[in-house]
Amino acid sequence: MKKILLNFHVTKTREQVQDYVALMFEFPDYYGKNLDAFYDMLTELGEDTCVGVFGTGDGPERDECLVRYLDQVSLVLRDAQEENPHLCVIFQEFEKNFENNEGEAL
């Protein structure tokens, strides 16, 4: 099983988020670096992959727009996990592991 730890504390912009996930997942050069392309790549993973997700919440010096974008990234990861049986995603924030697709706690 492949294990990937994503620490979004190292990102400051949407572009950095996309560059970071491309690097960490070793996506090919043709990766589109947007949320739709991210979903497509995640649902096409054929190898069992466990992803730990850290640093998606707000914090000091964190731009509100980036926090909203990271919420969208989290939704994409959850949606892709539902679609791809090879993908397992575990979030640092305990409650995010139990949210529905609208971001509401179950």
PDB file of N, CA and C in Angstrom:
ATOM      1  N   MET A   1       0.845  -1.181   0.000  1.00  0.00           N
ATOM      2  CA  MET A   1       0.000   0.000   0.000  1.00  0.00           C
ATOM      3  C   MET A   1       0.888   1.242   0.000  1.00  0.00           C
ATOM      4  N   LYS A   2       0.539   2.178  -0.844  1.00  0.00           N
ATOM      5  CA  LYS A   2       1.246   3.457  -0.900  1.00  0.00           C
ATOM      6  C   LYS A   2       0.674   4.376   0.172  1.00  0.00           C
ATOM      7  N   LYS A   3       1.537   5.101   0.875  1.00  0.00           N
ATOM      8  CA  LYS A   3       1.105   6.039   1.902  1.00  0.00           C
ATOM      9  C   LYS A   3       1.589   7.436   1.543  1.00  0.00           C
ATOM     10  N   ILE A   4       0.680   8.392   1.596  1.00  0.00           N
ATOM     11  CA  ILE A   4       1.000   9.780   1.277  1.00  0.00           C
ATOM     12  C   ILE A   4       0.510  10.659   2.417  1.00  0.00           C
ATOM     13  N   LEU A   5       1.398  11.482   2.950  1.00  0.00           N
ATOM     14  CA  LEU A   5       1.021  12.448   3.980  1.00  0.00           C
ATOM     15  C   LEU A   5       1.043  13.833   3.368  1.00  0.00           C
ATOM     16  N   LEU A   6      -0.109  14.490   3.368  1.00  0.00           N
ATOM     17  CA  LEU A   6      -0.227  15.842   2.825  1.00  0.00           C
ATOM     18  C   LEU A   6      -0.280  16.828   3.990  1.00  0.00           C
ATOM     19  N   ASN A   7       0.692  17.714   4.058  1.00  0.00           N
ATOM     20  CA  ASN A   7       0.728  18.744   5.094  1.00  0.00           C
ATOM     21  C   ASN A   7       0.547  20.097   4.404  1.00  0.00           C
ATOM     22  N   PHE A   8      -0.682  20.580   4.382  1.00  0.00           N
ATOM     23  CA  PHE A   8      -0.987  21.808   3.656  1.00  0.00           C
ATOM     24  C   PHE A   8      -0.516  23.065   4.377  1.00  0.00           C
ATOM     25  N   HIS A   9       0.100  22.920   5.548  1.00  0.00           N
ATOM     26  CA  HIS A   9       0.697  24.081   6.203  1.00  0.00           C
ATOM     27  C   HIS A   9       1.815  24.687   5.346  1.00  0.00           C
ATOM     28  N   VAL A  10       2.380  23.900   4.442  1.00  0.00           N
ATOM     29  CA  VAL A  10       3.493  24.390   3.613  1.00  0.00           C
ATOM     30  C   VAL A  10       2.999  25.167   2.397  1.00  0.00           C
ATOM     31  N   THR A  11       1.682  25.266   2.215  1.00  0.00           N
ATOM     32  CA  THR A  11       1.133  25.950   1.046  1.00  0.00           C
ATOM     33  C   THR A  11       0.522  27.280   1.446  1.00  0.00           C
ATOM     34  N   LYS A  12       0.648  28.261   0.563  1.00  0.00           N
ATOM     35  CA  LYS A  12       0.116  29.608   0.827  1.00  0.00           C
ATOM     36  C   LYS A  12      -0.859  30.085  -0.252  1.00  0.00           C
ATOM     37  N   THR A  13      -0.876  29.408  -1.407  1.00  0.00           N
ATOM     38  CA  THR A  13      -1.744  29.804  -2.519  1.00  0.00           C
ATOM     39  C   THR A  13      -2.372  28.562  -3.149  1.00  0.00           C
ATOM     40  N   ARG A  14      -3.404  28.769  -3.949  1.00  0.00           N
ATOM     41  CA  ARG A  14      -4.025  27.666  -4.693  1.00  0.00           C
ATOM     42  C   ARG A  14      -3.003  26.991  -5.605  1.00  0.00           C
ATOM     43  N   GLU A  15      -2.184  27.798  -6.241  1.00  0.00           N
ATOM     44  CA  GLU A  15      -1.174  27.256  -7.149  1.00  0.00           C
ATOM     45  C   GLU A  15      -0.191  26.365  -6.393  1.00  0.00           C
ATOM     46  N   GLN A  16       0.198  26.790  -5.201  1.00  0.00           N
ATOM     47  CA  GLN A  16       1.102  25.973  -4.392  1.00  0.00           C
ATOM     48  C   GLN A  16       0.417  24.675  -3.962  1.00  0.00           C
ATOM     49  N   VAL A  17      -0.862  24.737  -3.651  1.00  0.00           N
ATOM     50  CA  VAL A  17      -1.605  23.523  -3.297  1.00  0.00           C
ATOM     51  C   VAL A  17      -1.552  22.537  -4.452  1.00  0.00           C
ATOM     52  N   GLN A  18      -1.836  23.021  -5.650  1.00  0.00           N
ATOM     53  CA  GLN A  18      -1.856  22.131  -6.812  1.00  0.00           C
ATOM     54  C   GLN A  18      -0.458  21.601  -7.146  1.00  0.00           C
ATOM     55  N   ASP A  19       0.555  22.446  -7.052  1.00  0.00           N
ATOM     56  CA  ASP A  19       1.928  21.982  -7.278  1.00  0.00           C
ATOM     57  C   ASP A  19       2.302  20.924  -6.243  1.00  0.00           C
ATOM     58  N   TYR A  20       1.877  21.142  -5.008  1.00  0.00           N
ATOM     59  CA  TYR A  20       2.191  20.235  -3.905  1.00  0.00           C
ATOM     60  C   TYR A  20       1.544  18.865  -4.113  1.00  0.00           C
ATOM     61  N   VAL A  21       0.254  18.830  -4.445  1.00  0.00           N
ATOM     62  CA  VAL A  21      -0.387  17.525  -4.639  1.00  0.00           C
ATOM     63  C   VAL A  21       0.175  16.818  -5.863  1.00  0.00           C
ATOM     64  N   ALA A  22       0.513  17.582  -6.897  1.00  0.00           N
ATOM     65  CA  ALA A  22       1.132  16.964  -8.082  1.00  0.00           C
ATOM     66  C   ALA A  22       2.446  16.288  -7.703  1.00  0.00           C
ATOM     67  N   LEU A  23       3.237  16.950  -6.881  1.00  0.00           N
ATOM     68  CA  LEU A  23       4.510  16.399  -6.429  1.00  0.00           C
ATOM     69  C   LEU A  23       4.309  15.176  -5.536  1.00  0.00           C
ATOM     70  N   MET A  24       3.431  15.305  -4.550  1.00  0.00           N
ATOM     71  CA  MET A  24       3.251  14.242  -3.567  1.00  0.00           C
ATOM     72  C   MET A  24       2.628  12.976  -4.172  1.00  0.00           C
ATOM     73  N   PHE A  25       1.719  13.153  -5.121  1.00  0.00           N
ATOM     74  CA  PHE A  25       1.098  12.001  -5.763  1.00  0.00           C
ATOM     75  C   PHE A  25       1.866  11.524  -6.991  1.00  0.00           C
ATOM     76  N   GLU A  26       2.911  12.273  -7.348  1.00  0.00           N
ATOM     77  CA  GLU A  26       3.717  11.955  -8.528  1.00  0.00           C
ATOM     78  C   GLU A  26       2.836  11.903  -9.783  1.00  0.00           C
ATOM     79  N   PHE A  27       1.976  12.931  -9.908  1.00  0.00           N
ATOM     80  CA  PHE A  27       1.120  13.023 -11.082  1.00  0.00           C
ATOM     81  C   PHE A  27       1.969  13.315 -12.322  1.00  0.00           C
ATOM     82  N   PRO A  28       1.502  12.881 -13.484  1.00  0.00           N
ATOM     83  CA  PRO A  28       2.252  13.139 -14.724  1.00  0.00           C
ATOM     84  C   PRO A  28       2.240  14.618 -15.101  1.00  0.00           C
ATOM     85  N   ASP A  29       3.106  14.993 -16.011  1.00  0.00           N
ATOM     86  CA  ASP A  29       3.237  16.390 -16.437  1.00  0.00           C
ATOM     87  C   ASP A  29       1.944  16.966 -17.004  1.00  0.00           C
ATOM     88  N   TYR A  30       1.090  16.121 -17.555  1.00  0.00           N
ATOM     89  CA  TYR A  30      -0.149  16.627 -18.163  1.00  0.00           C
ATOM     90  C   TYR A  30      -1.242  16.921 -17.128  1.00  0.00           C
ATOM     91  N   TYR A  31      -0.968  16.702 -15.843  1.00  0.00           N
ATOM     92  CA  TYR A  31      -1.952  16.993 -14.797  1.00  0.00           C
ATOM     93  C   TYR A  31      -2.404  18.444 -14.905  1.00  0.00           C
ATOM     94  N   GLY A  32      -3.711  18.676 -14.928  1.00  0.00           N
ATOM     95  CA  GLY A  32      -4.280  19.989 -15.184  1.00  0.00           C
ATOM     96  C   GLY A  32      -4.216  20.996 -14.049  1.00  0.00           C
ATOM     97  N   LYS A  33      -3.824  20.586 -12.870  1.00  0.00           N
ATOM     98  CA  LYS A  33      -3.656  21.464 -11.709  1.00  0.00           C
ATOM     99  C   LYS A  33      -4.908  22.289 -11.396  1.00  0.00           C
ATOM    100  N   ASN A  34      -6.034  21.585 -11.303  1.00  0.00           N
ATOM    101  CA  ASN A  34      -7.283  22.177 -10.845  1.00  0.00           C
ATOM    102  C   ASN A  34      -8.075  21.089 -10.127  1.00  0.00           C
ATOM    103  N   LEU A  35      -9.167  21.434  -9.497  1.00  0.00           N
ATOM    104  CA  LEU A  35      -9.906  20.468  -8.683  1.00  0.00           C
ATOM    105  C   LEU A  35     -10.513  19.340  -9.503  1.00  0.00           C
ATOM    106  N   ASP A  36     -10.989  19.626 -10.711  1.00  0.00           N
ATOM    107  CA  ASP A  36     -11.535  18.573 -11.569  1.00  0.00           C
ATOM    108  C   ASP A  36     -10.452  17.572 -11.955  1.00  0.00           C
ATOM    109  N   ALA A  37      -9.287  18.083 -12.322  1.00  0.00           N
ATOM    110  CA  ALA A  37      -8.173  17.202 -12.687  1.00  0.00           C
ATOM    111  C   ALA A  37      -7.707  16.398 -11.475  1.00  0.00           C
ATOM    112  N   PHE A  38      -7.705  17.010 -10.300  1.00  0.00           N
ATOM    113  CA  PHE A  38      -7.330  16.317  -9.067  1.00  0.00           C
ATOM    114  C   PHE A  38      -8.268  15.143  -8.819  1.00  0.00           C
ATOM    115  N   TYR A  39      -9.572  15.389  -8.943  1.00  0.00           N
ATOM    116  CA  TYR A  39     -10.558  14.318  -8.783  1.00  0.00           C
ATOM    117  C   TYR A  39     -10.305  13.195  -9.788  1.00  0.00           C
ATOM    118  N   ASP A  40     -10.099  13.569 -11.035  1.00  0.00           N
ATOM    119  CA  ASP A  40      -9.862  12.562 -12.074  1.00  0.00           C
ATOM    120  C   ASP A  40      -8.649  11.700 -11.758  1.00  0.00           C
ATOM    121  N   MET A  41      -7.568  12.329 -11.322  1.00  0.00           N
ATOM    122  CA  MET A  41      -6.350  11.580 -11.016  1.00  0.00           C
ATOM    123  C   MET A  41      -6.578  10.656  -9.816  1.00  0.00           C
ATOM    124  N   LEU A  42      -7.294  11.139  -8.801  1.00  0.00           N
ATOM    125  CA  LEU A  42      -7.550  10.322  -7.615  1.00  0.00           C
ATOM    126  C   LEU A  42      -8.434   9.126  -7.920  1.00  0.00           C
ATOM    127  N   THR A  43      -9.432   9.326  -8.765  1.00  0.00           N
ATOM    128  CA  THR A  43     -10.338   8.215  -9.080  1.00  0.00           C
ATOM    129  C   THR A  43      -9.698   7.209 -10.022  1.00  0.00           C
ATOM    130  N   GLU A  44      -8.604   7.579 -10.660  1.00  0.00           N
ATOM    131  CA  GLU A  44      -7.904   6.661 -11.561  1.00  0.00           C
ATOM    132  C   GLU A  44      -6.772   5.900 -10.875  1.00  0.00           C
ATOM    133  N   LEU A  45      -6.506   6.180  -9.589  1.00  0.00           N
ATOM    134  CA  LEU A  45      -5.448   5.456  -8.889  1.00  0.00           C
ATOM    135  C   LEU A  45      -5.786   3.973  -8.872  1.00  0.00           C
ATOM    136  N   GLY A  46      -4.838   3.146  -9.313  1.00  0.00           N
ATOM    137  CA  GLY A  46      -5.064   1.709  -9.347  1.00  0.00           C
ATOM    138  C   GLY A  46      -4.376   0.969  -8.214  1.00  0.00           C
ATOM    139  N   GLU A  47      -3.506   1.652  -7.503  1.00  0.00           N
ATOM    140  CA  GLU A  47      -2.768   1.068  -6.385  1.00  0.00           C
ATOM    141  C   GLU A  47      -3.432   1.496  -5.080  1.00  0.00           C
ATOM    142  N   ASP A  48      -3.537   0.564  -4.129  1.00  0.00           N
ATOM    143  CA  ASP A  48      -4.075   0.928  -2.824  1.00  0.00           C
ATOM    144  C   ASP A  48      -3.240   2.062  -2.244  1.00  0.00           C
ATOM    145  N   THR A  49      -3.918   3.159  -1.891  1.00  0.00           N
ATOM    146  CA  THR A  49      -3.245   4.363  -1.426  1.00  0.00           C
ATOM    147  C   THR A  49      -3.971   4.921  -0.215  1.00  0.00           C
ATOM    148  N   CYS A  50      -3.217   5.146   0.850  1.00  0.00           N
ATOM    149  CA  CYS A  50      -3.752   5.776   2.056  1.00  0.00           C
ATOM    150  C   CYS A  50      -3.173   7.179   2.146  1.00  0.00           C
ATOM    151  N   VAL A  51      -4.042   8.159   2.311  1.00  0.00           N
ATOM    152  CA  VAL A  51      -3.638   9.561   2.342  1.00  0.00           C
ATOM    153  C   VAL A  51      -3.999  10.167   3.691  1.00  0.00           C
ATOM    154  N   GLY A  52      -3.003  10.703   4.381  1.00  0.00           N
ATOM    155  CA  GLY A  52      -3.224  11.458   5.604  1.00  0.00           C
ATOM    156  C   GLY A  52      -3.209  12.941   5.260  1.00  0.00           C
ATOM    157  N   VAL A  53      -4.214  13.672   5.721  1.00  0.00           N
ATOM    158  CA  VAL A  53      -4.374  15.074   5.349  1.00  0.00           C
ATOM    159  C   VAL A  53      -4.265  15.951   6.595  1.00  0.00           C
ATOM    160  N   PHE A  54      -3.311  16.875   6.560  1.00  0.00           N
ATOM    161  CA  PHE A  54      -3.028  17.761   7.684  1.00  0.00           C
ATOM    162  C   PHE A  54      -3.022  19.210   7.205  1.00  0.00           C
ATOM    163  N   GLY A  55      -3.360  20.123   8.098  1.00  0.00           N
ATOM    164  CA  GLY A  55      -3.212  21.541   7.811  1.00  0.00           C
ATOM    165  C   GLY A  55      -4.219  22.142   6.861  1.00  0.00           C
ATOM    166  N   THR A  56      -5.465  21.651   6.890  1.00  0.00           N
ATOM    167  CA  THR A  56      -6.476  22.241   6.007  1.00  0.00           C
ATOM    168  C   THR A  56      -7.304  23.312   6.695  1.00  0.00           C
ATOM    169  N   GLY A  57      -7.131  23.476   7.998  1.00  0.00           N
ATOM    170  CA  GLY A  57      -7.923  24.452   8.740  1.00  0.00           C
ATOM    171  C   GLY A  57      -7.309  25.831   8.720  1.00  0.00           C
ATOM    172  N   ASP A  58      -8.016  26.752   9.361  1.00  0.00           N
ATOM    173  CA  ASP A  58      -7.489  28.110   9.433  1.00  0.00           C
ATOM    174  C   ASP A  58      -6.400  28.174  10.498  1.00  0.00           C
ATOM    175  N   GLY A  59      -5.657  29.237  10.464  1.00  0.00           N
ATOM    176  CA  GLY A  59      -4.568  29.426  11.404  1.00  0.00           C
ATOM    177  C   GLY A  59      -3.992  30.813  11.238  1.00  0.00           C
ATOM    178  N   PRO A  60      -2.980  31.124  12.035  1.00  0.00           N
ATOM    179  CA  PRO A  60      -2.365  32.444  11.921  1.00  0.00           C
ATOM    180  C   PRO A  60      -1.783  32.649  10.523  1.00  0.00           C
ATOM    181  N   GLU A  61      -2.021  33.827  10.003  1.00  0.00           N
ATOM    182  CA  GLU A  61      -1.500  34.212   8.690  1.00  0.00           C
ATOM    183  C   GLU A  61      -2.035  33.349   7.548  1.00  0.00           C
ATOM    184  N   ARG A  62      -3.162  32.676   7.751  1.00  0.00           N
ATOM    185  CA  ARG A  62      -3.750  31.869   6.690  1.00  0.00           C
ATOM    186  C   ARG A  62      -4.885  32.649   6.053  1.00  0.00           C
ATOM    187  N   ASP A  63      -4.789  32.841   4.773  1.00  0.00           N
ATOM    188  CA  ASP A  63      -5.773  33.574   4.002  1.00  0.00           C
ATOM    189  C   ASP A  63      -7.104  32.816   3.985  1.00  0.00           C
ATOM    190  N   GLU A  64      -8.200  33.547   4.194  1.00  0.00           N
ATOM    191  CA  GLU A  64      -9.531  32.931   4.216  1.00  0.00           C
ATOM    192  C   GLU A  64      -9.862  32.245   2.891  1.00  0.00           C
ATOM    193  N   CYS A  65      -9.416  32.826   1.785  1.00  0.00           N
ATOM    194  CA  CYS A  65      -9.662  32.218   0.468  1.00  0.00           C
ATOM    195  C   CYS A  65      -8.956  30.870   0.359  1.00  0.00           C
ATOM    196  N   LEU A  66      -7.750  30.778   0.910  1.00  0.00           N
ATOM    197  CA  LEU A  66      -7.016  29.516   0.883  1.00  0.00           C
ATOM    198  C   LEU A  66      -7.719  28.474   1.750  1.00  0.00           C
ATOM    199  N   VAL A  67      -8.237  28.885   2.895  1.00  0.00           N
ATOM    200  CA  VAL A  67      -8.960  27.953   3.767  1.00  0.00           C
ATOM    201  C   VAL A  67     -10.173  27.391   3.028  1.00  0.00           C
ATOM    202  N   ARG A  68     -10.920  28.247   2.336  1.00  0.00           N
ATOM    203  CA  ARG A  68     -12.079  27.784   1.554  1.00  0.00           C
ATOM    204  C   ARG A  68     -11.635  26.835   0.447  1.00  0.00           C
ATOM    205  N   TYR A  69     -10.514  27.144  -0.209  1.00  0.00           N
ATOM    206  CA  TYR A  69     -10.010  26.271  -1.266  1.00  0.00           C
ATOM    207  C   TYR A  69      -9.607  24.910  -0.683  1.00  0.00           C
ATOM    208  N   LEU A  70      -8.974  24.908   0.478  1.00  0.00           N
ATOM    209  CA  LEU A  70      -8.583  23.648   1.108  1.00  0.00           C
ATOM    210  C   LEU A  70      -9.804  22.845   1.541  1.00  0.00           C
ATOM    211  N   ASP A  71     -10.895  23.520   1.878  1.00  0.00           N
ATOM    212  CA  ASP A  71     -12.153  22.819   2.143  1.00  0.00           C
ATOM    213  C   ASP A  71     -12.630  22.108   0.877  1.00  0.00           C
ATOM    214  N   GLN A  72     -12.488  22.776  -0.265  1.00  0.00           N
ATOM    215  CA  GLN A  72     -12.860  22.163  -1.537  1.00  0.00           C
ATOM    216  C   GLN A  72     -11.951  20.973  -1.853  1.00  0.00           C
ATOM    217  N   VAL A  73     -10.660  21.107  -1.577  1.00  0.00           N
ATOM    218  CA  VAL A  73      -9.726  20.001  -1.770  1.00  0.00           C
ATOM    219  C   VAL A  73     -10.155  18.820  -0.911  1.00  0.00           C
ATOM    220  N   SER A  74     -10.561  19.093   0.328  1.00  0.00           N
ATOM    221  CA  SER A  74     -11.018  18.034   1.227  1.00  0.00           C
ATOM    222  C   SER A  74     -12.255  17.336   0.671  1.00  0.00           C
ATOM    223  N   LEU A  75     -13.184  18.108   0.121  1.00  0.00           N
ATOM    224  CA  LEU A  75     -14.373  17.515  -0.494  1.00  0.00           C
ATOM    225  C   LEU A  75     -14.006  16.627  -1.667  1.00  0.00           C
ATOM    226  N   VAL A  76     -13.066  17.079  -2.482  1.00  0.00           N
ATOM    227  CA  VAL A  76     -12.615  16.278  -3.622  1.00  0.00           C
ATOM    228  C   VAL A  76     -12.012  14.969  -3.133  1.00  0.00           C
ATOM    229  N   LEU A  77     -11.196  15.032  -2.099  1.00  0.00           N
ATOM    230  CA  LEU A  77     -10.600  13.813  -1.553  1.00  0.00           C
ATOM    231  C   LEU A  77     -11.677  12.858  -1.037  1.00  0.00           C
ATOM    232  N   ARG A  78     -12.678  13.386  -0.327  1.00  0.00           N
ATOM    233  CA  ARG A  78     -13.760  12.524   0.174  1.00  0.00           C
ATOM    234  C   ARG A  78     -14.576  11.937  -0.972  1.00  0.00           C
ATOM    235  N   ASP A  79     -14.908  12.759  -1.963  1.00  0.00           N
ATOM    236  CA  ASP A  79     -15.685  12.268  -3.101  1.00  0.00           C
ATOM    237  C   ASP A  79     -14.921  11.190  -3.861  1.00  0.00           C
ATOM    238  N   ALA A  80     -13.629  11.410  -4.072  1.00  0.00           N
ATOM    239  CA  ALA A  80     -12.806  10.432  -4.796  1.00  0.00           C
ATOM    240  C   ALA A  80     -12.698   9.134  -4.008  1.00  0.00           C
ATOM    241  N   GLN A  81     -12.626   9.245  -2.690  1.00  0.00           N
ATOM    242  CA  GLN A  81     -12.567   8.047  -1.842  1.00  0.00           C
ATOM    243  C   GLN A  81     -13.837   7.218  -1.998  1.00  0.00           C
ATOM    244  N   GLU A  82     -14.977   7.895  -2.120  1.00  0.00           N
ATOM    245  CA  GLU A  82     -16.245   7.193  -2.333  1.00  0.00           C
ATOM    246  C   GLU A  82     -16.263   6.453  -3.669  1.00  0.00           C
ATOM    247  N   GLU A  83     -15.604   7.027  -4.660  1.00  0.00           N
ATOM    248  CA  GLU A  83     -15.606   6.474  -6.019  1.00  0.00           C
ATOM    249  C   GLU A  83     -14.547   5.396  -6.222  1.00  0.00           C
ATOM    250  N   ASN A  84     -13.409   5.532  -5.576  1.00  0.00           N
ATOM    251  CA  ASN A  84     -12.271   4.644  -5.828  1.00  0.00           C
ATOM    252  C   ASN A  84     -11.992   3.752  -4.620  1.00  0.00           C
ATOM    253  N   PRO A  85     -12.218   2.446  -4.751  1.00  0.00           N
ATOM    254  CA  PRO A  85     -11.981   1.546  -3.618  1.00  0.00           C
ATOM    255  C   PRO A  85     -10.501   1.410  -3.249  1.00  0.00           C
ATOM    256  N   HIS A  86      -9.603   1.895  -4.087  1.00  0.00           N
ATOM    257  CA  HIS A  86      -8.166   1.840  -3.801  1.00  0.00           C
ATOM    258  C   HIS A  86      -7.698   3.021  -2.956  1.00  0.00           C
ATOM    259  N   LEU A  87      -8.582   3.968  -2.689  1.00  0.00           N
ATOM    260  CA  LEU A  87      -8.195   5.201  -2.006  1.00  0.00           C
ATOM    261  C   LEU A  87      -8.804   5.262  -0.608  1.00  0.00           C
ATOM    262  N   CYS A  88      -7.965   5.544   0.373  1.00  0.00           N
ATOM    263  CA  CYS A  88      -8.385   5.750   1.763  1.00  0.00           C
ATOM    264  C   CYS A  88      -7.829   7.098   2.208  1.00  0.00           C
ATOM    265  N   VAL A  89      -8.682   7.958   2.749  1.00  0.00           N
ATOM    266  CA  VAL A  89      -8.267   9.292   3.174  1.00  0.00           C
ATOM    267  C   VAL A  89      -8.589   9.456   4.652  1.00  0.00           C
ATOM    268  N   ILE A  90      -7.605   9.933   5.412  1.00  0.00           N
ATOM    269  CA  ILE A  90      -7.781  10.181   6.844  1.00  0.00           C
ATOM    270  C   ILE A  90      -7.363  11.621   7.122  1.00  0.00           C
ATOM    271  N   PHE A  91      -8.276  12.384   7.710  1.00  0.00           N
ATOM    272  CA  PHE A  91      -8.040  13.793   7.985  1.00  0.00           C
ATOM    273  C   PHE A  91      -7.572  13.997   9.429  1.00  0.00           C
ATOM    274  N   GLN A  92      -6.691  14.966   9.617  1.00  0.00           N
ATOM    275  CA  GLN A  92      -6.215  15.332  10.952  1.00  0.00           C
ATOM    276  C   GLN A  92      -7.385  15.770  11.823  1.00  0.00           C
ATOM    277  N   GLU A  93      -8.244  16.631  11.270  1.00  0.00           N
ATOM    278  CA  GLU A  93      -9.404  17.107  12.011  1.00  0.00           C
ATOM    279  C   GLU A  93     -10.409  15.968  12.097  1.00  0.00           C
ATOM    280  N   PHE A  94     -10.580  15.416  13.282  1.00  0.00           N
ATOM    281  CA  PHE A  94     -11.365  14.209  13.506  1.00  0.00           C
ATOM    282  C   PHE A  94     -12.731  14.268  12.833  1.00  0.00           C
ATOM    283  N   GLU A  95     -13.430  15.393  13.015  1.00  0.00           N
ATOM    284  CA  GLU A  95     -14.798  15.493  12.498  1.00  0.00           C
ATOM    285  C   GLU A  95     -14.855  15.445  10.976  1.00  0.00           C
ATOM    286  N   LYS A  96     -13.791  15.845  10.287  1.00  0.00           N
ATOM    287  CA  LYS A  96     -13.802  15.796   8.822  1.00  0.00           C
ATOM    288  C   LYS A  96     -13.866  14.368   8.296  1.00  0.00           C
ATOM    289  N   ASN A  97     -13.519  13.405   9.118  1.00  0.00           N
ATOM    290  CA  ASN A  97     -13.589  12.015   8.703  1.00  0.00           C
ATOM    291  C   ASN A  97     -15.017  11.493   8.677  1.00  0.00           C
ATOM    292  N   PHE A  98     -15.959  12.286   9.178  1.00  0.00           N
ATOM    293  CA  PHE A  98     -17.339  11.847   9.282  1.00  0.00           C
ATOM    294  C   PHE A  98     -18.318  12.820   8.644  1.00  0.00           C
ATOM    295  N   GLU A  99     -17.836  13.723   7.817  1.00  0.00           N
ATOM    296  CA  GLU A  99     -18.721  14.699   7.174  1.00  0.00           C
ATOM    297  C   GLU A  99     -19.310  14.108   5.911  1.00  0.00           C
ATOM    298  N   ASN A 100     -20.499  14.600   5.572  1.00  0.00           N
ATOM    299  CA  ASN A 100     -21.096  14.212   4.300  1.00  0.00           C
ATOM    300  C   ASN A 100     -20.526  15.108   3.198  1.00  0.00           C
ATOM    301  N   ASN A 101     -20.969  14.933   1.992  1.00  0.00           N
ATOM    302  CA  ASN A 101     -20.412  15.672   0.852  1.00  0.00           C
ATOM    303  C   ASN A 101     -20.717  17.162   0.874  1.00  0.00           C
ATOM    304  N   GLU A 102     -21.632  17.608   1.724  1.00  0.00           N
ATOM    305  CA  GLU A 102     -21.923  19.030   1.836  1.00  0.00           C
ATOM    306  C   GLU A 102     -21.111  19.661   2.955  1.00  0.00           C
ATOM    307  N   GLY A 103     -20.196  18.916   3.572  1.00  0.00           N
ATOM    308  CA  GLY A 103     -19.356  19.463   4.618  1.00  0.00           C
ATOM    309  C   GLY A 103     -20.013  19.500   5.986  1.00  0.00           C
ATOM    310  N   GLU A 104     -21.149  18.814   6.130  1.00  0.00           N
ATOM    311  CA  GLU A 104     -21.846  18.804   7.407  1.00  0.00           C
ATOM    312  C   GLU A 104     -21.503  17.520   8.166  1.00  0.00           C
ATOM    313  N   ALA A 105     -21.367  17.644   9.477  1.00  0.00           N
ATOM    314  CA  ALA A 105     -21.063  16.476  10.304  1.00  0.00           C
ATOM    315  C   ALA A 105     -22.251  15.508  10.261  1.00  0.00           C
ATOM    316  N   LEU A 106     -21.934  14.231  10.214  1.00  0.00           N
ATOM    317  CA  LEU A 106     -22.994  13.216  10.218  1.00  0.00           C
ATOM    318  C   LEU A 106     -23.427  12.892  11.634  1.00  0.00           C
TER     319      LEU A 106
END
